[in-house]
Amino acid sequence: MSDVVQYPVNGSCQCGAVTYQLHAAPKAVMACHCRECQKLSTSAFSITAIVDEADLTFNGPLSHWSRVAASGNVNGAAFCPACGNRLYHYSPAQPGIIKLKPSNLDDTRMINPTRHVWVSEKQDWVQIPEGVEVFEYQP
């Protein structure tokens, strides 16, 4: 496999009822260590790729859920209604921007976080690599 990611990249939920294509490289990839993302990922952090909505094509049914963050911002989520796999987040205050959960892409080589946010809530055992941007809270 070449080191260069070829777009579009296919992705899908766990059961395959929702498929999608990412047509361009993410604008940024970050790891979020907040408690809500720990719950979401059932792990120490969640990976998010910031992409333009126009760079994604989804096929299949999506369900939506939202919560109000501590900041007062609405944090929406889209997921497969069959398997429950979270596919992306969005904020009504940022139209056109999708916060893709990229681990369900077929080619995940572009998932290399260069920014770690909410490190004030990270698990003590997590080691953050040298040379990445680090934010105590949401930048």
Protein backbone atom coordinates (compact mmCIF):
# COMPACT_ATOMS: atom_id res chain seq x y z
CA MET A 1 0.00 0.00 0.00
CA SER A 2 1.33 3.44 -0.94
CA ASP A 3 1.97 6.08 1.75
CA VAL A 4 -0.28 8.50 -0.15
CA VAL A 5 -3.98 8.33 0.67
CA GLN A 6 -6.09 8.11 -2.48
CA TYR A 7 -9.40 9.99 -2.29
CA PRO A 8 -12.23 9.26 -2.15
CA VAL A 9 -11.90 6.96 0.86
CA ASN A 10 -14.84 4.71 1.71
CA GLY A 11 -16.21 4.29 5.20
CA SER A 12 -19.16 2.62 6.90
CA CYS A 13 -20.82 1.94 10.21
CA GLN A 14 -20.23 -1.41 11.90
CA CYS A 15 -23.22 -3.16 10.31
CA GLY A 16 -22.79 -1.57 6.85
CA ALA A 17 -26.28 0.01 6.71
CA VAL A 18 -24.65 3.44 6.38
CA THR A 19 -21.79 3.93 3.95
CA TYR A 20 -19.96 7.08 2.99
CA GLN A 21 -17.12 8.55 0.99
CA LEU A 22 -14.61 11.16 2.13
CA HIS A 23 -13.58 13.08 -1.00
CA ALA A 24 -10.72 15.20 0.40
CA ALA A 25 -8.18 15.21 3.20
CA PRO A 26 -9.36 16.45 6.61
CA LYS A 27 -8.59 20.05 7.55
CA ALA A 28 -7.37 18.81 10.96
CA VAL A 29 -7.34 15.66 13.07
CA MET A 30 -7.55 15.92 16.83
CA ALA A 31 -7.82 13.78 19.92
CA CYS A 32 -10.31 14.96 22.53
CA HIS A 33 -9.76 13.82 26.12
CA CYS A 34 -12.94 15.28 27.68
CA ARG A 35 -15.11 12.99 29.79
CA GLU A 36 -17.94 13.07 27.23
CA CYS A 37 -15.59 11.82 24.49
CA GLN A 38 -14.28 9.14 26.85
CA LYS A 39 -17.88 7.96 27.27
CA LEU A 40 -18.49 8.13 23.51
CA SER A 41 -15.41 6.15 22.58
CA THR A 42 -15.43 3.86 25.64
CA SER A 43 -11.72 4.64 25.67
CA ALA A 44 -9.31 7.31 26.89
CA PHE A 45 -10.10 9.78 24.08
CA SER A 46 -12.01 10.22 20.85
CA ILE A 47 -10.51 10.97 17.43
CA THR A 48 -12.15 13.62 15.27
CA ALA A 49 -11.38 14.72 11.70
CA ILE A 50 -12.60 18.19 10.78
CA VAL A 51 -13.95 18.15 7.21
CA ASP A 52 -16.14 20.27 4.99
CA GLU A 53 -19.65 18.88 4.67
CA ALA A 54 -19.26 19.16 0.88
CA ASP A 55 -16.38 16.65 1.04
CA LEU A 56 -18.64 13.85 2.34
CA THR A 57 -21.31 11.73 0.68
CA PHE A 58 -23.48 9.55 2.94
CA ASN A 59 -25.76 6.70 1.87
CA GLY A 60 -28.23 5.04 4.19
CA PRO A 61 -30.39 6.11 7.12
CA LEU A 62 -28.97 8.33 9.86
CA SER A 63 -30.42 9.07 13.28
CA HIS A 64 -29.55 12.20 15.22
CA TRP A 65 -29.03 13.05 18.88
CA SER A 66 -27.81 16.22 20.54
CA ARG A 67 -26.74 17.57 23.90
CA VAL A 68 -25.87 21.00 25.25
CA ALA A 69 -22.19 21.28 26.15
CA ALA A 70 -20.89 23.08 29.24
CA SER A 71 -20.15 26.06 26.96
CA GLY A 72 -23.83 26.28 26.02
CA ASN A 73 -23.14 25.15 22.46
CA VAL A 74 -25.27 22.40 20.92
CA ASN A 75 -23.29 19.29 20.03
CA GLY A 76 -25.20 17.17 17.50
CA ALA A 77 -24.38 13.61 16.52
CA ALA A 78 -25.32 11.40 13.56
CA PHE A 79 -25.31 7.63 13.94
CA CYS A 80 -26.57 4.43 12.34
CA PRO A 81 -30.05 3.58 13.66
CA ALA A 82 -29.35 -0.16 13.25
CA CYS A 83 -25.98 -0.64 15.01
CA GLY A 84 -25.68 2.68 16.84
CA ASN A 85 -22.21 3.41 15.44
CA ARG A 86 -21.46 7.15 15.73
CA LEU A 87 -20.38 8.58 12.35
CA TYR A 88 -20.00 12.31 12.95
CA HIS A 89 -20.71 15.31 15.14
CA TYR A 90 -21.88 18.74 14.09
CA SER A 91 -22.67 22.11 15.60
CA PRO A 92 -25.58 24.21 14.32
CA ALA A 93 -23.35 27.22 15.04
CA GLN A 94 -20.82 25.95 12.46
CA PRO A 95 -22.82 25.07 9.33
CA GLY A 96 -20.88 23.24 6.65
CA ILE A 97 -18.37 21.71 9.09
CA ILE A 98 -18.52 18.03 10.02
CA LYS A 99 -16.58 16.46 12.89
CA LEU A 100 -16.11 13.01 11.36
CA LYS A 101 -15.37 9.99 13.57
CA PRO A 102 -12.77 8.63 11.11
CA SER A 103 -11.92 5.25 12.64
CA ASN A 104 -14.61 3.66 10.47
CA LEU A 105 -12.86 4.64 7.22
CA ASP A 106 -11.42 1.81 5.12
CA ASP A 107 -8.05 3.63 4.93
CA THR A 108 -7.17 5.27 8.24
CA ARG A 109 -3.65 6.51 7.45
CA MET A 110 -4.76 10.15 7.65
CA ILE A 111 -5.78 9.67 11.29
CA ASN A 112 -2.75 11.21 12.94
CA PRO A 113 -3.83 13.75 15.57
CA THR A 114 -1.79 16.95 15.54
CA ARG A 115 -3.89 18.55 18.28
CA HIS A 116 -4.95 17.19 21.69
CA VAL A 117 -7.80 19.06 23.42
CA TRP A 118 -9.29 18.86 26.90
CA VAL A 119 -6.06 17.40 28.28
CA SER A 120 -7.20 18.73 31.67
CA GLU A 121 -9.48 15.65 31.75
CA LYS A 122 -7.15 13.09 30.14
CA GLN A 123 -6.43 9.77 31.76
CA ASP A 124 -3.17 9.91 33.74
CA TRP A 125 -1.65 7.00 31.83
CA VAL A 126 -2.09 8.62 28.38
CA GLN A 127 1.20 9.87 26.91
CA ILE A 128 0.83 12.74 24.45
CA PRO A 129 3.43 12.70 21.65
CA GLU A 130 6.01 15.45 21.34
CA GLY A 131 5.41 18.12 18.73
CA VAL A 132 1.60 18.26 18.81
CA GLU A 133 -0.57 21.18 19.90
CA VAL A 134 -1.97 20.70 23.42
CA PHE A 135 -4.94 22.55 24.91
CA GLU A 136 -6.14 22.24 28.50
CA TYR A 137 -9.73 22.88 27.34
CA GLN A 138 -11.50 23.57 24.04
CA PRO A 139 -9.46 26.06 21.95
